[in-house]
């Protein structure tokens, strides 16, 4: 049993495991881990209080009031999305025109960087610039390697010939 499994048993309303082997493993965790033991004791106190608690009986007409409220909520649109759909449903041509205008407006607004570029184009341009930078760096390093190789083949200086 892992510590996480022991913690799951602590928060299980059914209580600790009933299987003797699992129960021994669980109790071993409680013995060696003070934090788990404290959590177990707190949870046991909470479950004891909940066992003693009696829910109040609902008042007369409670069920009818709940069903009436549910029916009222179903009759009126809740959020702006549902209100928009309620407005657009009987007016499909107007809704389509409004959607097309919103789409055109979104595409026409300038973006940061290149005024005509979309974020995907900006990302691709940035990616291309990075590729060009690394290719130039690779070429410069190759040039340095080539120059170092030339030094190995250079004729010996007059000082070294004697």
N, C-alpha and C. Protein backbone atom coordinates (compact mmCIF):
# COMPACT_ATOMS: atom_id res chain seq x y z
N UNK A 1 0.86 -1.17 0.00
CA UNK A 1 0.00 0.00 0.00
C UNK A 1 0.90 1.23 0.00
N UNK A 2 0.58 2.18 -0.86
CA UNK A 2 1.35 3.42 -0.92
C UNK A 2 0.76 4.43 0.04
N UNK A 3 1.50 5.51 0.25
CA UNK A 3 1.01 6.58 1.13
C UNK A 3 -0.27 7.20 0.56
N UNK A 4 -0.32 7.35 -0.76
CA UNK A 4 -1.51 7.92 -1.39
C UNK A 4 -2.73 7.03 -1.18
N UNK A 5 -2.53 5.70 -1.25
CA UNK A 5 -3.64 4.78 -1.02
C UNK A 5 -4.11 4.86 0.44
N UNK A 6 -3.16 4.98 1.37
CA UNK A 6 -3.54 5.13 2.77
C UNK A 6 -4.32 6.42 2.98
N UNK A 7 -3.91 7.49 2.30
CA UNK A 7 -4.63 8.76 2.40
C UNK A 7 -6.04 8.64 1.83
N UNK A 8 -6.19 7.88 0.75
CA UNK A 8 -7.53 7.66 0.18
C UNK A 8 -8.43 6.92 1.19
N UNK A 9 -7.86 5.95 1.90
CA UNK A 9 -8.65 5.24 2.92
C UNK A 9 -9.05 6.16 4.06
N UNK A 10 -8.19 7.11 4.38
CA UNK A 10 -8.52 8.05 5.46
C UNK A 10 -9.76 8.86 5.10
N UNK A 11 -9.87 9.27 3.85
CA UNK A 11 -10.99 10.11 3.42
C UNK A 11 -12.19 9.30 2.94
N UNK A 12 -12.11 8.00 3.00
CA UNK A 12 -13.20 7.14 2.58
C UNK A 12 -14.27 7.10 3.67
N UNK A 13 -15.51 7.52 3.34
CA UNK A 13 -16.57 7.51 4.36
C UNK A 13 -16.86 6.10 4.89
N UNK A 14 -16.51 5.07 4.14
CA UNK A 14 -16.76 3.70 4.60
C UNK A 14 -15.79 3.30 5.71
N UNK A 15 -14.73 4.09 5.89
CA UNK A 15 -13.77 3.80 6.94
C UNK A 15 -12.56 3.07 6.41
N UNK A 16 -11.71 2.62 7.34
CA UNK A 16 -10.49 1.91 6.93
C UNK A 16 -10.81 0.58 6.26
N UNK A 17 -9.82 -0.03 5.61
CA UNK A 17 -10.06 -1.29 4.90
C UNK A 17 -10.52 -2.40 5.85
N UNK A 18 -11.34 -3.28 5.34
CA UNK A 18 -11.84 -4.40 6.14
C UNK A 18 -11.01 -5.66 5.92
N UNK A 19 -10.32 -5.74 4.81
CA UNK A 19 -9.44 -6.88 4.54
C UNK A 19 -8.30 -6.87 5.57
N UNK A 20 -8.04 -7.99 6.27
CA UNK A 20 -7.03 -7.99 7.33
C UNK A 20 -5.64 -7.55 6.86
N UNK A 21 -5.21 -8.00 5.67
CA UNK A 21 -3.89 -7.62 5.17
C UNK A 21 -3.83 -6.12 4.90
N UNK A 22 -4.85 -5.60 4.19
CA UNK A 22 -4.89 -4.16 3.91
C UNK A 22 -4.98 -3.36 5.21
N UNK A 23 -5.75 -3.87 6.15
CA UNK A 23 -5.91 -3.19 7.43
C UNK A 23 -4.56 -3.08 8.16
N UNK A 24 -3.77 -4.16 8.15
CA UNK A 24 -2.45 -4.13 8.81
C UNK A 24 -1.52 -3.14 8.10
N UNK A 25 -1.55 -3.12 6.77
CA UNK A 25 -0.72 -2.16 6.03
C UNK A 25 -1.14 -0.72 6.34
N UNK A 26 -2.45 -0.51 6.40
CA UNK A 26 -2.98 0.82 6.71
C UNK A 26 -2.53 1.25 8.10
N UNK A 27 -2.67 0.38 9.07
CA UNK A 27 -2.27 0.71 10.44
C UNK A 27 -0.76 0.92 10.54
N UNK A 28 0.02 0.21 9.74
CA UNK A 28 1.47 0.42 9.72
C UNK A 28 1.79 1.82 9.22
N UNK A 29 1.05 2.28 8.21
CA UNK A 29 1.25 3.65 7.72
C UNK A 29 0.92 4.65 8.82
N UNK A 30 -0.15 4.42 9.55
CA UNK A 30 -0.53 5.34 10.62
C UNK A 30 0.52 5.38 11.72
N UNK A 31 1.14 4.24 11.99
CA UNK A 31 2.16 4.18 13.04
C UNK A 31 3.43 4.93 12.65
N UNK A 32 3.83 4.86 11.38
CA UNK A 32 5.11 5.45 11.00
C UNK A 32 4.99 6.86 10.41
N UNK A 33 3.78 7.32 10.12
CA UNK A 33 3.62 8.65 9.50
C UNK A 33 2.70 9.49 10.38
N UNK A 34 3.28 10.43 11.11
CA UNK A 34 2.52 11.26 12.05
C UNK A 34 1.50 12.14 11.32
N UNK A 35 1.85 12.60 10.14
CA UNK A 35 0.92 13.45 9.37
C UNK A 35 -0.33 12.66 8.97
N UNK A 36 -0.12 11.44 8.50
CA UNK A 36 -1.28 10.59 8.15
C UNK A 36 -2.10 10.28 9.39
N UNK A 37 -1.44 9.99 10.50
CA UNK A 37 -2.16 9.67 11.74
C UNK A 37 -3.02 10.86 12.18
N UNK A 38 -2.47 12.09 12.09
CA UNK A 38 -3.23 13.28 12.46
C UNK A 38 -4.42 13.47 11.52
N UNK A 39 -4.21 13.23 10.22
CA UNK A 39 -5.31 13.36 9.26
C UNK A 39 -6.38 12.33 9.54
N UNK A 40 -5.96 11.10 9.90
CA UNK A 40 -6.92 10.04 10.21
C UNK A 40 -7.77 10.41 11.43
N UNK A 41 -7.14 10.94 12.47
CA UNK A 41 -7.86 11.32 13.68
C UNK A 41 -8.85 12.46 13.41
N UNK A 42 -8.41 13.45 12.62
CA UNK A 42 -9.32 14.55 12.26
C UNK A 42 -10.51 14.04 11.46
N UNK A 43 -10.23 13.17 10.50
CA UNK A 43 -11.30 12.64 9.66
C UNK A 43 -12.26 11.78 10.49
N UNK A 44 -11.74 11.03 11.43
CA UNK A 44 -12.59 10.20 12.30
C UNK A 44 -13.51 11.09 13.13
N UNK A 45 -13.00 12.20 13.64
CA UNK A 45 -13.83 13.14 14.40
C UNK A 45 -14.93 13.72 13.52
N UNK A 46 -14.55 14.09 12.30
CA UNK A 46 -15.54 14.66 11.38
C UNK A 46 -16.64 13.65 11.06
N UNK A 47 -16.26 12.42 10.78
CA UNK A 47 -17.25 11.40 10.46
C UNK A 47 -18.14 11.12 11.67
N UNK A 48 -17.59 11.19 12.88
CA UNK A 48 -18.40 10.97 14.10
C UNK A 48 -19.44 12.08 14.24
N UNK A 49 -19.05 13.32 13.99
CA UNK A 49 -20.00 14.44 14.07
C UNK A 49 -21.07 14.29 12.99
N UNK A 50 -20.65 13.92 11.78
CA UNK A 50 -21.63 13.75 10.71
C UNK A 50 -22.60 12.60 11.00
N UNK A 51 -22.11 11.56 11.65
CA UNK A 51 -22.99 10.44 12.01
C UNK A 51 -24.06 10.88 13.01
N UNK A 52 -23.74 11.80 13.90
CA UNK A 52 -24.69 12.28 14.91
C UNK A 52 -25.65 13.32 14.35
N UNK A 53 -25.26 14.01 13.29
CA UNK A 53 -26.06 15.10 12.75
C UNK A 53 -27.32 14.57 12.09
N UNK A 54 -28.42 15.24 12.35
CA UNK A 54 -29.68 14.89 11.70
C UNK A 54 -30.11 16.04 10.80
N UNK A 55 -30.36 15.71 9.57
CA UNK A 55 -30.77 16.74 8.62
C UNK A 55 -32.17 17.22 8.99
N UNK A 56 -32.40 18.54 8.88
CA UNK A 56 -33.74 19.03 9.19
C UNK A 56 -34.74 18.55 8.15
N UNK A 57 -35.96 18.35 8.59
CA UNK A 57 -36.99 17.93 7.64
C UNK A 57 -37.41 19.14 6.82
N UNK A 58 -37.59 18.94 5.53
CA UNK A 58 -38.00 20.07 4.69
C UNK A 58 -39.41 20.54 5.05
N UNK A 59 -39.61 21.82 4.83
CA UNK A 59 -40.92 22.40 5.14
C UNK A 59 -41.96 21.90 4.13
N UNK A 60 -43.23 22.10 4.50
CA UNK A 60 -44.31 21.72 3.58
C UNK A 60 -44.19 22.56 2.31
N UNK A 61 -44.36 21.94 1.18
CA UNK A 61 -44.31 22.65 -0.09
C UNK A 61 -42.89 22.86 -0.62
N UNK A 62 -41.90 22.28 0.04
CA UNK A 62 -40.52 22.45 -0.40
C UNK A 62 -40.31 21.88 -1.80
N UNK A 63 -40.80 20.67 -2.03
CA UNK A 63 -40.63 20.04 -3.34
C UNK A 63 -41.28 20.87 -4.44
N UNK A 64 -42.49 21.36 -4.18
CA UNK A 64 -43.18 22.17 -5.19
C UNK A 64 -42.40 23.45 -5.49
N UNK A 65 -41.83 24.07 -4.45
CA UNK A 65 -41.06 25.30 -4.66
C UNK A 65 -39.81 25.03 -5.49
N UNK A 66 -39.17 23.90 -5.25
CA UNK A 66 -37.97 23.55 -6.03
C UNK A 66 -38.35 23.32 -7.48
N UNK A 67 -39.41 22.56 -7.73
CA UNK A 67 -39.82 22.29 -9.11
C UNK A 67 -40.27 23.56 -9.81
N UNK A 68 -40.92 24.47 -9.10
CA UNK A 68 -41.33 25.74 -9.70
C UNK A 68 -40.10 26.57 -10.09
N UNK A 69 -39.09 26.57 -9.24
CA UNK A 69 -37.88 27.33 -9.55
C UNK A 69 -37.15 26.73 -10.75
N UNK A 70 -37.11 25.42 -10.82
CA UNK A 70 -36.47 24.75 -11.97
C UNK A 70 -37.21 25.13 -13.25
N UNK A 71 -38.54 25.11 -13.21
CA UNK A 71 -39.33 25.46 -14.40
C UNK A 71 -39.08 26.91 -14.79
N UNK A 72 -38.95 27.80 -13.82
CA UNK A 72 -38.69 29.21 -14.11
C UNK A 72 -37.31 29.37 -14.76
N UNK A 73 -36.34 28.65 -14.27
CA UNK A 73 -34.99 28.73 -14.84
C UNK A 73 -34.97 28.19 -16.27
N UNK A 74 -35.76 27.18 -16.53
CA UNK A 74 -35.81 26.62 -17.88
C UNK A 74 -36.49 27.56 -18.86
N UNK A 75 -37.42 28.38 -18.37
CA UNK A 75 -38.15 29.30 -19.25
C UNK A 75 -37.30 30.49 -19.68
N UNK A 76 -36.42 30.98 -18.82
CA UNK A 76 -35.65 32.17 -19.20
C UNK A 76 -34.21 31.78 -19.49
N UNK A 77 -33.63 32.36 -20.55
CA UNK A 77 -32.23 32.09 -20.86
C UNK A 77 -31.34 32.56 -19.72
N UNK A 78 -30.36 31.73 -19.37
CA UNK A 78 -29.52 32.03 -18.21
C UNK A 78 -28.39 33.00 -18.54
N UNK A 79 -27.56 32.69 -19.48
CA UNK A 79 -26.38 33.50 -19.74
C UNK A 79 -26.48 34.25 -21.06
N UNK A 80 -25.42 35.00 -21.35
CA UNK A 80 -25.41 35.78 -22.58
C UNK A 80 -25.43 34.87 -23.81
N UNK A 81 -24.80 33.71 -23.70
CA UNK A 81 -24.79 32.79 -24.84
C UNK A 81 -26.18 32.28 -25.16
N UNK A 82 -26.92 31.92 -24.12
CA UNK A 82 -28.29 31.44 -24.35
C UNK A 82 -29.18 32.57 -24.84
N UNK A 83 -28.98 33.79 -24.33
CA UNK A 83 -29.78 34.91 -24.83
C UNK A 83 -29.47 35.18 -26.30
N UNK A 84 -28.20 35.06 -26.67
CA UNK A 84 -27.82 35.27 -28.07
C UNK A 84 -28.45 34.21 -28.96
N UNK A 85 -28.42 32.95 -28.50
CA UNK A 85 -29.05 31.88 -29.28
C UNK A 85 -30.56 32.08 -29.36
N UNK A 86 -31.17 32.53 -28.26
CA UNK A 86 -32.61 32.78 -28.28
C UNK A 86 -32.95 33.89 -29.27
N UNK A 87 -32.07 34.90 -29.39
CA UNK A 87 -32.31 35.98 -30.34
C UNK A 87 -32.08 35.50 -31.76
N UNK A 88 -31.02 34.67 -31.97
CA UNK A 88 -30.63 34.28 -33.32
C UNK A 88 -31.51 33.20 -33.92
N UNK A 89 -32.13 32.37 -33.09
CA UNK A 89 -32.90 31.24 -33.60
C UNK A 89 -34.02 31.67 -34.56
N UNK A 90 -34.84 32.67 -34.20
CA UNK A 90 -35.89 33.05 -35.16
C UNK A 90 -35.39 33.96 -36.27
N UNK A 91 -34.14 34.39 -36.24
CA UNK A 91 -33.60 35.31 -37.24
C UNK A 91 -32.32 34.73 -37.85
N UNK A 92 -32.37 33.64 -38.57
CA UNK A 92 -31.13 33.03 -39.06
C UNK A 92 -30.36 33.92 -40.03
N UNK A 93 -31.03 34.68 -40.88
CA UNK A 93 -30.32 35.53 -41.83
C UNK A 93 -29.57 36.64 -41.11
N UNK A 94 -30.21 37.26 -40.12
CA UNK A 94 -29.54 38.31 -39.34
C UNK A 94 -28.37 37.74 -38.55
N UNK A 95 -28.57 36.57 -38.00
CA UNK A 95 -27.49 35.94 -37.22
C UNK A 95 -26.30 35.62 -38.10
N UNK A 96 -26.56 35.10 -39.30
CA UNK A 96 -25.48 34.79 -40.22
C UNK A 96 -24.74 36.06 -40.65
N UNK A 97 -25.49 37.13 -40.90
CA UNK A 97 -24.86 38.40 -41.28
C UNK A 97 -24.01 38.95 -40.14
N UNK A 98 -24.51 38.86 -38.91
CA UNK A 98 -23.75 39.35 -37.75
C UNK A 98 -22.48 38.53 -37.56
N UNK A 99 -22.57 37.22 -37.74
CA UNK A 99 -21.41 36.36 -37.61
C UNK A 99 -20.38 36.67 -38.69
N UNK A 100 -20.82 36.88 -39.91
CA UNK A 100 -19.90 37.20 -41.00
C UNK A 100 -19.22 38.55 -40.75
N UNK A 101 -19.97 39.53 -40.26
CA UNK A 101 -19.38 40.84 -39.97
C UNK A 101 -18.34 40.73 -38.85
N UNK A 102 -18.64 39.95 -37.82
CA UNK A 102 -17.69 39.77 -36.72
C UNK A 102 -16.42 39.08 -37.21
N UNK A 103 -16.57 38.09 -38.07
CA UNK A 103 -15.42 37.38 -38.61
C UNK A 103 -14.56 38.30 -39.46
N UNK A 104 -15.19 39.10 -40.33
CA UNK A 104 -14.44 40.04 -41.16
C UNK A 104 -13.72 41.07 -40.30
N UNK A 105 -14.38 41.56 -39.28
CA UNK A 105 -13.77 42.53 -38.39
C UNK A 105 -12.56 41.92 -37.67
N UNK A 106 -12.69 40.69 -37.22
CA UNK A 106 -11.58 40.03 -36.53
C UNK A 106 -10.39 39.83 -37.46
N UNK A 107 -10.65 39.50 -38.71
CA UNK A 107 -9.57 39.30 -39.67
C UNK A 107 -8.94 40.62 -40.12
N UNK A 108 -9.71 41.69 -40.09
CA UNK A 108 -9.22 42.98 -40.57
C UNK A 108 -8.41 43.73 -39.52
N UNK A 109 -8.57 43.40 -38.25
CA UNK A 109 -7.83 44.12 -37.21
C UNK A 109 -6.35 43.81 -37.31
N UNK A 110 -5.50 44.83 -37.18
CA UNK A 110 -4.05 44.58 -37.28
C UNK A 110 -3.55 43.82 -36.05
N UNK A 111 -2.53 43.04 -36.26
CA UNK A 111 -1.89 42.29 -35.19
C UNK A 111 -0.61 43.01 -34.79
N UNK A 112 -0.02 42.58 -33.69
CA UNK A 112 1.27 43.15 -33.29
C UNK A 112 2.32 42.70 -34.28
N UNK A 113 3.37 43.50 -34.47
CA UNK A 113 4.41 43.17 -35.43
C UNK A 113 3.98 43.59 -36.81
N UNK A 114 3.95 42.67 -37.74
CA UNK A 114 3.55 42.94 -39.10
C UNK A 114 2.05 43.22 -39.14
N UNK A 115 1.63 44.41 -39.65
CA UNK A 115 0.20 44.75 -39.61
C UNK A 115 -0.70 43.77 -40.34
N UNK A 116 -0.18 43.09 -41.35
CA UNK A 116 -1.04 42.17 -42.10
C UNK A 116 -0.86 40.72 -41.71
N UNK A 117 -0.02 40.46 -40.72
CA UNK A 117 0.29 39.07 -40.39
C UNK A 117 -0.62 38.53 -39.30
N UNK A 118 -0.95 37.29 -39.44
CA UNK A 118 -1.70 36.61 -38.38
C UNK A 118 -0.69 36.03 -37.40
N UNK A 119 -1.12 35.63 -36.19
CA UNK A 119 -0.17 35.06 -35.24
C UNK A 119 0.59 33.86 -35.80
N UNK A 120 -0.05 33.03 -36.61
CA UNK A 120 0.63 31.86 -37.17
C UNK A 120 1.74 32.31 -38.12
N UNK A 121 1.47 33.37 -38.90
CA UNK A 121 2.49 33.88 -39.83
C UNK A 121 3.64 34.48 -39.04
N UNK A 122 3.33 35.23 -37.95
CA UNK A 122 4.39 35.80 -37.11
C UNK A 122 5.25 34.70 -36.52
N UNK A 123 4.64 33.61 -36.06
CA UNK A 123 5.38 32.50 -35.48
C UNK A 123 6.25 31.84 -36.53
N UNK A 124 5.70 31.64 -37.73
CA UNK A 124 6.48 31.03 -38.80
C UNK A 124 7.65 31.93 -39.19
N UNK A 125 7.44 33.26 -39.23
CA UNK A 125 8.51 34.19 -39.56
C UNK A 125 9.59 34.14 -38.50
N UNK A 126 9.19 34.12 -37.23
CA UNK A 126 10.14 34.02 -36.14
C UNK A 126 10.93 32.72 -36.25
N UNK A 127 10.23 31.63 -36.55
CA UNK A 127 10.88 30.33 -36.70
C UNK A 127 11.89 30.39 -37.85
N UNK A 128 11.52 30.99 -38.97
CA UNK A 128 12.42 31.10 -40.12
C UNK A 128 13.63 31.94 -39.76
N UNK A 129 13.45 33.03 -39.01
CA UNK A 129 14.57 33.86 -38.59
C UNK A 129 15.52 33.09 -37.69
N UNK A 130 14.99 32.26 -36.81
CA UNK A 130 15.84 31.44 -35.95
C UNK A 130 16.64 30.44 -36.78
N UNK A 131 16.02 29.85 -37.77
CA UNK A 131 16.71 28.89 -38.64
C UNK A 131 17.86 29.59 -39.37
N UNK A 132 17.57 30.79 -39.92
CA UNK A 132 18.61 31.53 -40.62
C UNK A 132 19.76 31.90 -39.69
N UNK A 133 19.45 32.28 -38.46
CA UNK A 133 20.48 32.63 -37.48
C UNK A 133 21.37 31.42 -37.19
N UNK A 134 20.77 30.26 -36.93
CA UNK A 134 21.57 29.08 -36.62
C UNK A 134 22.36 28.59 -37.83
N UNK A 135 21.81 28.74 -39.03
CA UNK A 135 22.57 28.38 -40.22
C UNK A 135 23.78 29.28 -40.39
N UNK A 136 23.62 30.59 -40.13
CA UNK A 136 24.75 31.52 -40.22
C UNK A 136 25.78 31.21 -39.16
N UNK A 137 25.33 30.87 -37.96
CA UNK A 137 26.26 30.51 -36.89
C UNK A 137 27.03 29.24 -37.24
N UNK A 138 26.35 28.26 -37.80
CA UNK A 138 26.99 27.02 -38.21
C UNK A 138 28.04 27.29 -39.29
N UNK A 139 27.72 28.16 -40.24
CA UNK A 139 28.66 28.51 -41.30
C UNK A 139 29.89 29.21 -40.72
N UNK A 140 29.68 30.11 -39.75
CA UNK A 140 30.80 30.82 -39.12
C UNK A 140 31.71 29.84 -38.38
N UNK A 141 31.12 28.88 -37.68
CA UNK A 141 31.93 27.89 -36.97
C UNK A 141 32.71 27.00 -37.95
N UNK A 142 32.09 26.66 -39.07
CA UNK A 142 32.80 25.89 -40.10
C UNK A 142 33.98 26.68 -40.65
N UNK A 143 33.78 28.00 -40.84
CA UNK A 143 34.87 28.85 -41.33
C UNK A 143 36.02 28.88 -40.33
N UNK A 144 35.70 28.97 -39.04
CA UNK A 144 36.75 28.97 -38.02
C UNK A 144 37.50 27.64 -38.04
N UNK A 145 36.79 26.53 -38.15
CA UNK A 145 37.44 25.22 -38.23
C UNK A 145 38.36 25.15 -39.44
N UNK A 146 37.91 25.68 -40.57
CA UNK A 146 38.72 25.66 -41.78
C UNK A 146 39.99 26.49 -41.58
N UNK A 147 39.87 27.66 -40.96
CA UNK A 147 41.06 28.49 -40.72
C UNK A 147 42.03 27.79 -39.79
N UNK A 148 41.53 27.09 -38.79
CA UNK A 148 42.40 26.35 -37.88
C UNK A 148 43.13 25.24 -38.63
N UNK A 149 42.45 24.60 -39.58
CA UNK A 149 43.07 23.56 -40.38
C UNK A 149 44.19 24.14 -41.24
N UNK A 150 44.02 25.37 -41.77
CA UNK A 150 45.06 26.00 -42.58
C UNK A 150 46.30 26.25 -41.77
N UNK A 151 46.16 26.59 -40.51
CA UNK A 151 47.33 26.83 -39.67
C UNK A 151 48.17 25.56 -39.53
N UNK A 152 47.54 24.40 -39.55
CA UNK A 152 48.27 23.15 -39.45
C UNK A 152 49.10 22.90 -40.70
N UNK A 153 48.63 23.37 -41.87
CA UNK A 153 49.34 23.17 -43.13
C UNK A 153 50.26 24.33 -43.48
N UNK A 154 50.26 25.37 -42.70
CA UNK A 154 51.07 26.56 -43.02
C UNK A 154 52.55 26.19 -42.97
N UNK A 155 53.38 26.79 -43.88
CA UNK A 155 54.82 26.49 -43.84
C UNK A 155 55.41 26.96 -42.51
N UNK A 156 56.38 26.26 -42.07
CA UNK A 156 57.00 26.61 -40.81
C UNK A 156 57.68 27.97 -40.94
N UNK A 157 57.65 28.68 -39.87
CA UNK A 157 58.30 30.00 -39.88
C UNK A 157 59.81 29.83 -39.93
N UNK A 158 60.50 30.89 -40.23
CA UNK A 158 61.97 30.85 -40.36
C UNK A 158 62.60 30.47 -39.03
N UNK A 159 61.99 30.76 -37.93
CA UNK A 159 62.56 30.46 -36.63
C UNK A 159 62.57 28.95 -36.39
N UNK A 160 61.57 28.24 -36.90
CA UNK A 160 61.46 26.81 -36.64
C UNK A 160 62.28 25.97 -37.63
N UNK A 161 62.83 26.58 -38.72
CA UNK A 161 63.51 25.82 -39.77
C UNK A 161 64.93 25.42 -39.36
N UNK A 162 65.53 26.05 -38.48
CA UNK A 162 66.92 25.77 -38.18
C UNK A 162 67.18 24.51 -37.44
